[in-house]
PDB file of all heavy atoms in Angstrom:
ATOM      1  N   CYS A   1       3.843  -4.200  11.897  1.00  0.00           N
ATOM      2  CA  CYS A   1       3.135  -3.601  13.009  1.00  0.00           C
ATOM      3  C   CYS A   1       3.994  -3.609  14.270  1.00  0.00           C
ATOM      4  O   CYS A   1       4.536  -4.625  14.629  1.00  0.00           O
ATOM      5  CB  CYS A   1       1.813  -4.348  13.285  1.00  0.00           C
ATOM      6  SG  CYS A   1       0.650  -4.372  11.886  1.00  0.00           S
ATOM      7  N   VAL A   2       4.144  -2.452  14.877  1.00  0.00           N
ATOM      8  CA  VAL A   2       5.008  -2.302  16.075  1.00  0.00           C
ATOM      9  C   VAL A   2       4.352  -3.077  17.252  1.00  0.00           C
ATOM     10  O   VAL A   2       3.195  -2.789  17.607  1.00  0.00           O
ATOM     11  CB  VAL A   2       5.168  -0.853  16.448  1.00  0.00           C
ATOM     12  CG1 VAL A   2       5.988  -0.713  17.703  1.00  0.00           C
ATOM     13  CG2 VAL A   2       5.871  -0.111  15.270  1.00  0.00           C
ATOM     14  N   ASN A   3       5.046  -4.100  17.770  1.00  0.00           N
ATOM     15  CA  ASN A   3       4.592  -4.907  18.866  1.00  0.00           C
ATOM     16  C   ASN A   3       3.199  -5.494  18.577  1.00  0.00           C
ATOM     17  O   ASN A   3       2.345  -5.631  19.473  1.00  0.00           O
ATOM     18  CB  ASN A   3       4.465  -4.053  20.152  1.00  0.00           C
ATOM     19  CG  ASN A   3       5.836  -3.536  20.644  1.00  0.00           C
ATOM     20  OD1 ASN A   3       6.821  -4.256  20.490  1.00  0.00           O
ATOM     21  ND2 ASN A   3       5.899  -2.356  21.153  1.00  0.00           N
ATOM     22  N   ASN A   4       2.982  -5.815  17.274  1.00  0.00           N
ATOM     23  CA  ASN A   4       1.697  -6.414  16.840  1.00  0.00           C
ATOM     24  C   ASN A   4       0.503  -5.538  17.108  1.00  0.00           C
ATOM     25  O   ASN A   4      -0.642  -6.000  17.137  1.00  0.00           O
ATOM     26  CB  ASN A   4       1.463  -7.801  17.520  1.00  0.00           C
ATOM     27  CG  ASN A   4       2.533  -8.796  17.050  1.00  0.00           C
ATOM     28  OD1 ASN A   4       2.882  -8.850  15.897  1.00  0.00           O
ATOM     29  ND2 ASN A   4       3.013  -9.591  17.971  1.00  0.00           N
ATOM     30  N   ASN A   5       0.735  -4.239  17.226  1.00  0.00           N
ATOM     31  CA  ASN A   5      -0.336  -3.260  17.433  1.00  0.00           C
ATOM     32  C   ASN A   5      -0.895  -2.819  16.111  1.00  0.00           C
ATOM     33  O   ASN A   5      -0.201  -2.143  15.368  1.00  0.00           O
ATOM     34  CB  ASN A   5       0.202  -2.100  18.262  1.00  0.00           C
ATOM     35  CG  ASN A   5      -0.900  -1.092  18.622  1.00  0.00           C
ATOM     36  OD1 ASN A   5      -1.969  -1.078  18.049  1.00  0.00           O
ATOM     37  ND2 ASN A   5      -0.545  -0.203  19.571  1.00  0.00           N
ATOM     38  N   ARG A   6      -2.139  -3.180  15.797  1.00  0.00           N
ATOM     39  CA  ARG A   6      -2.710  -2.826  14.491  1.00  0.00           C
ATOM     40  C   ARG A   6      -3.072  -1.345  14.377  1.00  0.00           C
ATOM     41  O   ARG A   6      -3.596  -0.921  13.337  1.00  0.00           O
ATOM     42  CB  ARG A   6      -3.902  -3.716  14.232  1.00  0.00           C
ATOM     43  CG  ARG A   6      -3.515  -5.177  13.959  1.00  0.00           C
ATOM     44  CD  ARG A   6      -4.488  -5.910  13.130  1.00  0.00           C
ATOM     45  NE  ARG A   6      -5.816  -5.972  13.755  1.00  0.00           N
ATOM     46  CZ  ARG A   6      -6.864  -6.548  13.111  1.00  0.00           C
ATOM     47  NH1 ARG A   6      -6.740  -7.081  11.986  1.00  0.00           N
ATOM     48  NH2 ARG A   6      -8.029  -6.592  13.744  1.00  0.00           N
ATOM     49  N   LYS A   7      -2.791  -0.555  15.416  1.00  0.00           N
ATOM     50  CA  LYS A   7      -2.914   0.886  15.269  1.00  0.00           C
ATOM     51  C   LYS A   7      -1.526   1.500  14.921  1.00  0.00           C
ATOM     52  O   LYS A   7      -1.424   2.683  14.729  1.00  0.00           O
ATOM     53  CB  LYS A   7      -3.410   1.526  16.583  1.00  0.00           C
ATOM     54  CG  LYS A   7      -4.864   1.200  16.878  1.00  0.00           C
ATOM     55  CD  LYS A   7      -5.349   1.930  18.154  1.00  0.00           C
ATOM     56  CE  LYS A   7      -6.829   1.649  18.346  1.00  0.00           C
ATOM     57  NZ  LYS A   7      -7.315   2.345  19.597  1.00  0.00           N
ATOM     58  N   ARG A   8      -0.500   0.660  14.848  1.00  0.00           N
ATOM     59  CA  ARG A   8       0.841   1.148  14.556  1.00  0.00           C
ATOM     60  C   ARG A   8       1.459   0.322  13.418  1.00  0.00           C
ATOM     61  O   ARG A   8       2.491  -0.283  13.588  1.00  0.00           O
ATOM     62  CB  ARG A   8       1.720   1.126  15.784  1.00  0.00           C
ATOM     63  CG  ARG A   8       1.139   2.006  16.955  1.00  0.00           C
ATOM     64  CD  ARG A   8       2.052   1.924  18.150  1.00  0.00           C
ATOM     65  NE  ARG A   8       3.370   2.506  17.884  1.00  0.00           N
ATOM     66  CZ  ARG A   8       4.379   2.399  18.740  1.00  0.00           C
ATOM     67  NH1 ARG A   8       4.233   1.737  19.887  1.00  0.00           N
ATOM     68  NH2 ARG A   8       5.560   2.954  18.429  1.00  0.00           N
ATOM     69  N   CYS A   9       0.768   0.258  12.308  1.00  0.00           N
ATOM     70  CA  CYS A   9       1.193  -0.562  11.176  1.00  0.00           C
ATOM     71  C   CYS A   9       1.573   0.309   9.986  1.00  0.00           C
ATOM     72  O   CYS A   9       0.999   1.391   9.791  1.00  0.00           O
ATOM     73  CB  CYS A   9       0.092  -1.535  10.721  1.00  0.00           C
ATOM     74  SG  CYS A   9      -0.440  -2.728  11.977  1.00  0.00           S
ATOM     75  N   THR A  10       2.516  -0.164   9.214  1.00  0.00           N
ATOM     76  CA  THR A  10       2.869   0.440   7.939  1.00  0.00           C
ATOM     77  C   THR A  10       3.010  -0.633   6.864  1.00  0.00           C
ATOM     78  O   THR A  10       3.350  -1.782   7.170  1.00  0.00           O
ATOM     79  CB  THR A  10       4.173   1.230   8.005  1.00  0.00           C
ATOM     80  OG1 THR A  10       5.238   0.349   8.408  1.00  0.00           O
ATOM     81  CG2 THR A  10       4.045   2.393   8.978  1.00  0.00           C
ATOM     82  N   THR A  11       2.730  -0.261   5.637  1.00  0.00           N
ATOM     83  CA  THR A  11       2.889  -1.172   4.479  1.00  0.00           C
ATOM     84  C   THR A  11       3.649  -0.427   3.395  1.00  0.00           C
ATOM     85  O   THR A  11       3.210   0.639   2.954  1.00  0.00           O
ATOM     86  CB  THR A  11       1.552  -1.637   3.959  1.00  0.00           C
ATOM     87  OG1 THR A  11       0.842  -2.322   4.979  1.00  0.00           O
ATOM     88  CG2 THR A  11       1.781  -2.629   2.778  1.00  0.00           C
ATOM     89  N   PRO A  12       4.791  -0.969   2.947  1.00  0.00           N
ATOM     90  CA  PRO A  12       5.477  -0.296   1.781  1.00  0.00           C
ATOM     91  C   PRO A  12       4.750  -0.634   0.454  1.00  0.00           C
ATOM     92  O   PRO A  12       4.220  -1.713   0.294  1.00  0.00           O
ATOM     93  CB  PRO A  12       6.852  -0.947   1.837  1.00  0.00           C
ATOM     94  CG  PRO A  12       6.633  -2.306   2.446  1.00  0.00           C
ATOM     95  CD  PRO A  12       5.492  -2.107   3.411  1.00  0.00           C
ATOM     96  N   MET A  13       4.713   0.343  -0.371  1.00  0.00           N
ATOM     97  CA  MET A  13       4.066   0.241  -1.686  1.00  0.00           C
ATOM     98  C   MET A  13       5.102   0.578  -2.789  1.00  0.00           C
ATOM     99  O   MET A  13       6.003   1.358  -2.552  1.00  0.00           O
ATOM    100  CB  MET A  13       2.896   1.174  -1.815  1.00  0.00           C
ATOM    101  CG  MET A  13       1.858   1.029  -0.691  1.00  0.00           C
ATOM    102  SD  MET A  13       0.940  -0.530  -0.784  1.00  0.00           S
ATOM    103  CE  MET A  13       0.083  -0.357  -2.338  1.00  0.00           C
ATOM    104  N   ALA A  14       4.922  -0.033  -3.958  1.00  0.00           N
ATOM    105  CA  ALA A  14       5.795   0.278  -5.115  1.00  0.00           C
ATOM    106  C   ALA A  14       4.965   0.383  -6.368  1.00  0.00           C
ATOM    107  O   ALA A  14       3.969  -0.310  -6.531  1.00  0.00           O
ATOM    108  CB  ALA A  14       6.882  -0.757  -5.261  1.00  0.00           C
ATOM    109  N   HIS A  15       5.406   1.285  -7.282  1.00  0.00           N
ATOM    110  CA  HIS A  15       4.703   1.497  -8.538  1.00  0.00           C
ATOM    111  C   HIS A  15       5.728   1.505  -9.675  1.00  0.00           C
ATOM    112  O   HIS A  15       6.753   2.162  -9.598  1.00  0.00           O
ATOM    113  CB  HIS A  15       3.963   2.824  -8.515  1.00  0.00           C
ATOM    114  CG  HIS A  15       3.307   3.120  -9.803  1.00  0.00           C
ATOM    115  ND1 HIS A  15       3.643   4.149 -10.668  1.00  0.00           N
ATOM    116  CD2 HIS A  15       2.203   2.528 -10.381  1.00  0.00           C
ATOM    117  CE1 HIS A  15       2.856   4.168 -11.693  1.00  0.00           C
ATOM    118  NE2 HIS A  15       1.977   3.183 -11.586  1.00  0.00           N
ATOM    119  N   TRP A  16       5.401   0.752 -10.757  1.00  0.00           N
ATOM    120  CA  TRP A  16       6.183   0.692 -11.997  1.00  0.00           C
ATOM    121  C   TRP A  16       5.511   1.541 -13.038  1.00  0.00           C
ATOM    122  O   TRP A  16       4.335   1.332 -13.380  1.00  0.00           O
ATOM    123  CB  TRP A  16       6.313  -0.773 -12.443  1.00  0.00           C
ATOM    124  CG  TRP A  16       6.959  -0.963 -13.767  1.00  0.00           C
ATOM    125  CD1 TRP A  16       6.299  -1.179 -14.974  1.00  0.00           C
ATOM    126  CD2 TRP A  16       8.326  -1.005 -14.059  1.00  0.00           C
ATOM    127  NE1 TRP A  16       7.211  -1.327 -15.994  1.00  0.00           N
ATOM    128  CE2 TRP A  16       8.458  -1.224 -15.476  1.00  0.00           C
ATOM    129  CE3 TRP A  16       9.488  -0.856 -13.275  1.00  0.00           C
ATOM    130  CZ2 TRP A  16       9.728  -1.311 -16.079  1.00  0.00           C
ATOM    131  CZ3 TRP A  16      10.722  -0.955 -13.932  1.00  0.00           C
ATOM    132  CH2 TRP A  16      10.844  -1.199 -15.319  1.00  0.00           C
ATOM    133  N   ASN A  17       6.278   2.521 -13.637  1.00  0.00           N
ATOM    134  CA  ASN A  17       5.682   3.413 -14.590  1.00  0.00           C
ATOM    135  C   ASN A  17       6.120   3.077 -16.035  1.00  0.00           C
ATOM    136  O   ASN A  17       5.873   3.876 -16.954  1.00  0.00           O
ATOM    137  CB  ASN A  17       6.110   4.853 -14.312  1.00  0.00           C
ATOM    138  CG  ASN A  17       7.603   5.084 -14.438  1.00  0.00           C
ATOM    139  OD1 ASN A  17       8.368   4.214 -14.837  1.00  0.00           O
ATOM    140  ND2 ASN A  17       8.032   6.287 -14.043  1.00  0.00           N
ATOM    141  N   GLY A  18       6.722   1.885 -16.225  1.00  0.00           N
ATOM    142  CA  GLY A  18       7.155   1.493 -17.556  1.00  0.00           C
ATOM    143  C   GLY A  18       8.636   1.525 -17.724  1.00  0.00           C
ATOM    144  O   GLY A  18       9.151   0.846 -18.588  1.00  0.00           O
ATOM    145  N   THR A  19       9.298   2.309 -16.902  1.00  0.00           N
ATOM    146  CA  THR A  19      10.746   2.397 -16.966  1.00  0.00           C
ATOM    147  C   THR A  19      11.446   2.238 -15.610  1.00  0.00           C
ATOM    148  O   THR A  19      12.589   1.794 -15.540  1.00  0.00           O
ATOM    149  CB  THR A  19      11.232   3.734 -17.563  1.00  0.00           C
ATOM    150  OG1 THR A  19      10.676   4.831 -16.793  1.00  0.00           O
ATOM    151  CG2 THR A  19      10.713   3.875 -19.017  1.00  0.00           C
ATOM    152  N   SER A  20      10.785   2.611 -14.511  1.00  0.00           N
ATOM    153  CA  SER A  20      11.385   2.529 -13.181  1.00  0.00           C
ATOM    154  C   SER A  20      10.351   2.402 -12.129  1.00  0.00           C
ATOM    155  O   SER A  20       9.128   2.595 -12.363  1.00  0.00           O
ATOM    156  CB  SER A  20      12.236   3.795 -12.971  1.00  0.00           C
ATOM    157  OG  SER A  20      11.419   4.957 -12.975  1.00  0.00           O
ATOM    158  N   TRP A  21      10.825   2.079 -10.919  1.00  0.00           N
ATOM    159  CA  TRP A  21       9.983   1.917  -9.747  1.00  0.00           C
ATOM    160  C   TRP A  21      10.013   3.174  -8.906  1.00  0.00           C
ATOM    161  O   TRP A  21      11.053   3.820  -8.802  1.00  0.00           O
ATOM    162  CB  TRP A  21      10.405   0.742  -8.923  1.00  0.00           C
ATOM    163  CG  TRP A  21      10.211  -0.633  -9.506  1.00  0.00           C
ATOM    164  CD1 TRP A  21      11.139  -1.372 -10.230  1.00  0.00           C
ATOM    165  CD2 TRP A  21       9.023  -1.409  -9.438  1.00  0.00           C
ATOM    166  NE1 TRP A  21      10.591  -2.565 -10.580  1.00  0.00           N
ATOM    167  CE2 TRP A  21       9.281  -2.628 -10.152  1.00  0.00           C
ATOM    168  CE3 TRP A  21       7.756  -1.251  -8.881  1.00  0.00           C
ATOM    169  CZ2 TRP A  21       8.355  -3.653 -10.272  1.00  0.00           C
ATOM    170  CZ3 TRP A  21       6.814  -2.274  -9.001  1.00  0.00           C
ATOM    171  CH2 TRP A  21       7.117  -3.418  -9.699  1.00  0.00           C
ATOM    172  N   SER A  22       8.899   3.466  -8.226  1.00  0.00           N
ATOM    173  CA  SER A  22       8.881   4.503  -7.180  1.00  0.00           C
ATOM    174  C   SER A  22       8.205   3.847  -5.977  1.00  0.00           C
ATOM    175  O   SER A  22       7.388   2.967  -6.133  1.00  0.00           O
ATOM    176  CB  SER A  22       8.110   5.739  -7.612  1.00  0.00           C
ATOM    177  OG  SER A  22       6.793   5.405  -7.991  1.00  0.00           O
ATOM    178  N   ASP A  23       8.525   4.306  -4.783  1.00  0.00           N
ATOM    179  CA  ASP A  23       7.948   3.687  -3.614  1.00  0.00           C
ATOM    180  C   ASP A  23       7.244   4.717  -2.720  1.00  0.00           C
ATOM    181  O   ASP A  23       7.470   5.911  -2.836  1.00  0.00           O
ATOM    182  CB  ASP A  23       8.988   2.905  -2.841  1.00  0.00           C
ATOM    183  CG  ASP A  23      10.216   3.747  -2.435  1.00  0.00           C
ATOM    184  OD1 ASP A  23      10.144   4.999  -2.683  1.00  0.00           O
ATOM    185  OD2 ASP A  23      11.201   3.196  -1.927  1.00  0.00           O
ATOM    186  N   SER A  24       6.384   4.226  -1.855  1.00  0.00           N
ATOM    187  CA  SER A  24       5.639   5.018  -0.927  1.00  0.00           C
ATOM    188  C   SER A  24       5.266   4.157   0.277  1.00  0.00           C
ATOM    189  O   SER A  24       5.527   2.940   0.264  1.00  0.00           O
ATOM    190  CB  SER A  24       4.371   5.622  -1.567  1.00  0.00           C
ATOM    191  OG  SER A  24       3.562   4.570  -2.076  1.00  0.00           O
ATOM    192  N   THR A  25       4.677   4.763   1.260  1.00  0.00           N
ATOM    193  CA  THR A  25       4.299   4.000   2.483  1.00  0.00           C
ATOM    194  C   THR A  25       2.911   4.480   2.936  1.00  0.00           C
ATOM    195  O   THR A  25       2.560   5.661   2.880  1.00  0.00           O
ATOM    196  CB  THR A  25       5.297   4.286   3.629  1.00  0.00           C
ATOM    197  OG1 THR A  25       6.613   3.880   3.213  1.00  0.00           O
ATOM    198  CG2 THR A  25       4.910   3.506   4.865  1.00  0.00           C
ATOM    199  N   VAL A  26       2.097   3.508   3.350  1.00  0.00           N
ATOM    200  CA  VAL A  26       0.801   3.820   3.924  1.00  0.00           C
ATOM    201  C   VAL A  26       0.822   3.315   5.386  1.00  0.00           C
ATOM    202  O   VAL A  26       1.424   2.304   5.704  1.00  0.00           O
ATOM    203  CB  VAL A  26      -0.359   3.187   3.170  1.00  0.00           C
ATOM    204  CG1 VAL A  26      -0.533   3.830   1.816  1.00  0.00           C
ATOM    205  CG2 VAL A  26      -0.166   1.688   3.021  1.00  0.00           C
ATOM    206  N   HIS A  27       0.088   4.039   6.252  1.00  0.00           N
ATOM    207  CA  HIS A  27       0.096   3.704   7.659  1.00  0.00           C
ATOM    208  C   HIS A  27      -1.104   2.840   8.011  1.00  0.00           C
ATOM    209  O   HIS A  27      -2.003   3.185   8.771  1.00  0.00           O
ATOM    210  CB  HIS A  27       0.128   4.984   8.503  1.00  0.00           C
ATOM    211  CG  HIS A  27       1.393   5.771   8.320  1.00  0.00           C
ATOM    212  ND1 HIS A  27       2.562   5.457   8.930  1.00  0.00           N
ATOM    213  CD2 HIS A  27       1.680   6.815   7.477  1.00  0.00           C
ATOM    214  CE1 HIS A  27       3.540   6.270   8.576  1.00  0.00           C
ATOM    215  NE2 HIS A  27       2.979   7.123   7.694  1.00  0.00           N
ATOM    216  N   ILE A  28      -1.086   1.637   7.463  1.00  0.00           N
ATOM    217  CA  ILE A  28      -2.093   0.635   7.644  1.00  0.00           C
ATOM    218  C   ILE A  28      -1.547  -0.694   7.197  1.00  0.00           C
ATOM    219  O   ILE A  28      -0.679  -0.763   6.348  1.00  0.00           O
ATOM    220  CB  ILE A  28      -3.405   0.972   6.844  1.00  0.00           C
ATOM    221  CG1 ILE A  28      -4.504  -0.023   7.193  1.00  0.00           C
ATOM    222  CG2 ILE A  28      -3.118   1.010   5.377  1.00  0.00           C
ATOM    223  CD1 ILE A  28      -5.796   0.255   6.438  1.00  0.00           C
ATOM    224  N   ALA A  29      -2.003  -1.777   7.814  1.00  0.00           N
ATOM    225  CA  ALA A  29      -1.663  -3.107   7.309  1.00  0.00           C
ATOM    226  C   ALA A  29      -2.579  -3.410   6.136  1.00  0.00           C
ATOM    227  O   ALA A  29      -3.760  -3.652   6.339  1.00  0.00           O
ATOM    228  CB  ALA A  29      -1.832  -4.156   8.437  1.00  0.00           C
ATOM    229  N   VAL A  30      -2.035  -3.394   4.937  1.00  0.00           N
ATOM    230  CA  VAL A  30      -2.826  -3.590   3.725  1.00  0.00           C
ATOM    231  C   VAL A  30      -3.220  -5.048   3.574  1.00  0.00           C
ATOM    232  O   VAL A  30      -2.369  -5.944   3.587  1.00  0.00           O
ATOM    233  CB  VAL A  30      -2.060  -3.108   2.487  1.00  0.00           C
ATOM    234  CG1 VAL A  30      -2.849  -3.491   1.237  1.00  0.00           C
ATOM    235  CG2 VAL A  30      -1.814  -1.632   2.557  1.00  0.00           C
ATOM    236  N   ASP A  31      -4.506  -5.342   3.489  1.00  0.00           N
ATOM    237  CA  ASP A  31      -5.030  -6.681   3.242  1.00  0.00           C
ATOM    238  C   ASP A  31      -5.142  -6.970   1.752  1.00  0.00           C
ATOM    239  O   ASP A  31      -4.900  -8.093   1.335  1.00  0.00           O
ATOM    240  CB  ASP A  31      -6.411  -6.835   3.892  1.00  0.00           C
ATOM    241  CG  ASP A  31      -6.398  -6.983   5.383  1.00  0.00           C
ATOM    242  OD1 ASP A  31      -5.306  -7.249   5.917  1.00  0.00           O
ATOM    243  OD2 ASP A  31      -7.446  -6.738   5.992  1.00  0.00           O
ATOM    244  N   ALA A  32      -5.551  -5.993   0.995  1.00  0.00           N
ATOM    245  CA  ALA A  32      -5.865  -6.213  -0.462  1.00  0.00           C
ATOM    246  C   ALA A  32      -5.622  -4.998  -1.244  1.00  0.00           C
ATOM    247  O   ALA A  32      -5.718  -3.849  -0.810  1.00  0.00           O
ATOM    248  CB  ALA A  32      -7.334  -6.659  -0.594  1.00  0.00           C
ATOM    249  N   LEU A  33      -5.270  -5.244  -2.513  1.00  0.00           N
ATOM    250  CA  LEU A  33      -4.970  -4.200  -3.525  1.00  0.00           C
ATOM    251  C   LEU A  33      -5.675  -4.486  -4.782  1.00  0.00           C
ATOM    252  O   LEU A  33      -5.770  -5.645  -5.226  1.00  0.00           O
ATOM    253  CB  LEU A  33      -3.421  -4.234  -3.796  1.00  0.00           C
ATOM    254  CG  LEU A  33      -2.883  -3.530  -5.028  1.00  0.00           C
ATOM    255  CD1 LEU A  33      -3.001  -2.009  -4.890  1.00  0.00           C
ATOM    256  CD2 LEU A  33      -1.418  -3.906  -5.218  1.00  0.00           C
ATOM    257  N   SER A  34      -6.289  -3.478  -5.380  1.00  0.00           N
ATOM    258  CA  SER A  34      -7.001  -3.686  -6.666  1.00  0.00           C
ATOM    259  C   SER A  34      -7.062  -2.367  -7.428  1.00  0.00           C
ATOM    260  O   SER A  34      -6.992  -1.284  -6.860  1.00  0.00           O
ATOM    261  CB  SER A  34      -8.454  -4.152  -6.393  1.00  0.00           C
ATOM    262  OG  SER A  34      -9.164  -4.348  -7.587  1.00  0.00           O
ATOM    263  N   GLY A  35      -7.177  -2.482  -8.713  1.00  0.00           N
ATOM    264  CA  GLY A  35      -7.242  -1.281  -9.584  1.00  0.00           C
ATOM    265  C   GLY A  35      -7.767  -1.653 -10.945  1.00  0.00           C
ATOM    266  O   GLY A  35      -7.741  -2.790 -11.393  1.00  0.00           O
ATOM    267  N   SER A  36      -8.202  -0.638 -11.690  1.00  0.00           N
ATOM    268  CA  SER A  36      -8.643  -0.829 -13.067  1.00  0.00           C
ATOM    269  C   SER A  36      -7.880   0.044 -14.037  1.00  0.00           C
ATOM    270  O   SER A  36      -7.789  -0.300 -15.230  1.00  0.00           O
ATOM    271  CB  SER A  36     -10.145  -0.513 -13.180  1.00  0.00           C
ATOM    272  OG  SER A  36     -10.403   0.827 -12.849  1.00  0.00           O
ATOM    273  N   ALA A  37      -7.383   1.153 -13.526  1.00  0.00           N
ATOM    274  CA  ALA A  37      -6.619   2.084 -14.392  1.00  0.00           C
ATOM    275  C   ALA A  37      -5.979   3.124 -13.485  1.00  0.00           C
ATOM    276  O   ALA A  37      -6.274   3.205 -12.305  1.00  0.00           O
ATOM    277  CB  ALA A  37      -7.510   2.752 -15.424  1.00  0.00           C
ATOM    278  N   ALA A  38      -5.102   3.948 -14.039  1.00  0.00           N
ATOM    279  CA  ALA A  38      -4.510   5.031 -13.268  1.00  0.00           C
ATOM    280  C   ALA A  38      -5.627   5.918 -12.654  1.00  0.00           C
ATOM    281  O   ALA A  38      -6.543   6.273 -13.341  1.00  0.00           O
ATOM    282  CB  ALA A  38      -3.604   5.879 -14.146  1.00  0.00           C
ATOM    283  N   GLY A  39      -5.525   6.232 -11.428  1.00  0.00           N
ATOM    284  CA  GLY A  39      -6.550   7.027 -10.759  1.00  0.00           C
ATOM    285  C   GLY A  39      -7.640   6.184 -10.128  1.00  0.00           C
ATOM    286  O   GLY A  39      -8.508   6.748  -9.417  1.00  0.00           O
ATOM    287  N   ASN A  40      -7.606   4.889 -10.368  1.00  0.00           N
ATOM    288  CA  ASN A  40      -8.603   4.008  -9.698  1.00  0.00           C
ATOM    289  C   ASN A  40      -7.869   2.795  -9.094  1.00  0.00           C
ATOM    290  O   ASN A  40      -8.136   1.647  -9.495  1.00  0.00           O
ATOM    291  CB  ASN A  40      -9.727   3.584 -10.680  1.00  0.00           C
ATOM    292  CG  ASN A  40     -10.856   2.900  -9.967  1.00  0.00           C
ATOM    293  OD1 ASN A  40     -11.348   3.416  -8.942  1.00  0.00           O
ATOM    294  ND2 ASN A  40     -11.261   1.768 -10.455  1.00  0.00           N
ATOM    295  N   VAL A  41      -6.967   3.060  -8.184  1.00  0.00           N
ATOM    296  CA  VAL A  41      -6.249   2.017  -7.472  1.00  0.00           C
ATOM    297  C   VAL A  41      -6.601   2.163  -5.995  1.00  0.00           C
ATOM    298  O   VAL A  41      -6.453   3.246  -5.393  1.00  0.00           O
ATOM    299  CB  VAL A  41      -4.716   2.187  -7.672  1.00  0.00           C
ATOM    300  CG1 VAL A  41      -3.978   1.091  -6.946  1.00  0.00           C
ATOM    301  CG2 VAL A  41      -4.358   2.092  -9.164  1.00  0.00           C
ATOM    302  N   TRP A  42      -7.016   1.004  -5.410  1.00  0.00           N
ATOM    303  CA  TRP A  42      -7.500   1.015  -3.999  1.00  0.00           C
ATOM    304  C   TRP A  42      -6.734  -0.001  -3.180  1.00  0.00           C
ATOM    305  O   TRP A  42      -6.274  -1.015  -3.697  1.00  0.00           O
ATOM    306  CB  TRP A  42      -8.971   0.635  -3.979  1.00  0.00           C
ATOM    307  CG  TRP A  42      -9.924   1.619  -4.549  1.00  0.00           C
ATOM    308  CD1 TRP A  42      -9.986   2.106  -5.799  1.00  0.00           C
ATOM    309  CD2 TRP A  42     -11.000   2.244  -3.830  1.00  0.00           C
ATOM    310  NE1 TRP A  42     -11.050   3.003  -5.958  1.00  0.00           N
ATOM    311  CE2 TRP A  42     -11.701   3.084  -4.732  1.00  0.00           C
ATOM    312  CE3 TRP A  42     -11.475   2.183  -2.518  1.00  0.00           C
ATOM    313  CZ2 TRP A  42     -12.792   3.876  -4.378  1.00  0.00           C
ATOM    314  CZ3 TRP A  42     -12.593   2.937  -2.126  1.00  0.00           C
ATOM    315  CH2 TRP A  42     -13.239   3.816  -3.075  1.00  0.00           C
ATOM    316  N   ILE A  43      -6.612   0.357  -1.893  1.00  0.00           N
ATOM    317  CA  ILE A  43      -6.100  -0.621  -0.909  1.00  0.00           C
ATOM    318  C   ILE A  43      -7.079  -0.588   0.313  1.00  0.00           C
ATOM    319  O   ILE A  43      -7.639   0.487   0.591  1.00  0.00           O
ATOM    320  CB  ILE A  43      -4.694  -0.343  -0.454  1.00  0.00           C
ATOM    321  CG1 ILE A  43      -4.525   1.100   0.029  1.00  0.00           C
ATOM    322  CG2 ILE A  43      -3.691  -0.658  -1.552  1.00  0.00           C
ATOM    323  CD1 ILE A  43      -3.142   1.426   0.579  1.00  0.00           C
ATOM    324  N   VAL A  44      -7.222  -1.724   0.948  1.00  0.00           N
ATOM    325  CA  VAL A  44      -8.077  -1.744   2.151  1.00  0.00           C
ATOM    326  C   VAL A  44      -7.351  -2.569   3.237  1.00  0.00           C
ATOM    327  O   VAL A  44      -6.503  -3.408   2.960  1.00  0.00           O
ATOM    328  CB  VAL A  44      -9.450  -2.378   1.905  1.00  0.00           C
ATOM    329  CG1 VAL A  44     -10.261  -1.491   0.954  1.00  0.00           C
ATOM    330  CG2 VAL A  44      -9.330  -3.762   1.311  1.00  0.00           C
ATOM    331  N   GLY A  45      -7.760  -2.347   4.447  1.00  0.00           N
ATOM    332  CA  GLY A  45      -7.241  -3.088   5.615  1.00  0.00           C
ATOM    333  C   GLY A  45      -8.094  -2.788   6.831  1.00  0.00           C
ATOM    334  O   GLY A  45      -9.138  -2.193   6.732  1.00  0.00           O
ATOM    335  N   VAL A  46      -7.608  -3.279   7.934  1.00  0.00           N
ATOM    336  CA  VAL A  46      -8.319  -3.101   9.230  1.00  0.00           C
ATOM    337  C   VAL A  46      -7.404  -2.341  10.183  1.00  0.00           C
ATOM    338  O   VAL A  46      -6.245  -2.731  10.390  1.00  0.00           O
ATOM    339  CB  VAL A  46      -8.725  -4.439   9.838  1.00  0.00           C
ATOM    340  CG1 VAL A  46      -9.386  -4.218  11.194  1.00  0.00           C
ATOM    341  CG2 VAL A  46      -9.704  -5.169   8.897  1.00  0.00           C
TER     342      VAL A  46
END
């Protein structure tokens, strides 16, 4: 978070597909990650 400002946060994300990693970024400080299968993966934060 830039200057501890929770309106200016980013969190890096990574995904393994069985052979390699891919990465992405979300513009939120992620508190929690959960999923059950492809297409049902969630993240939440404040």
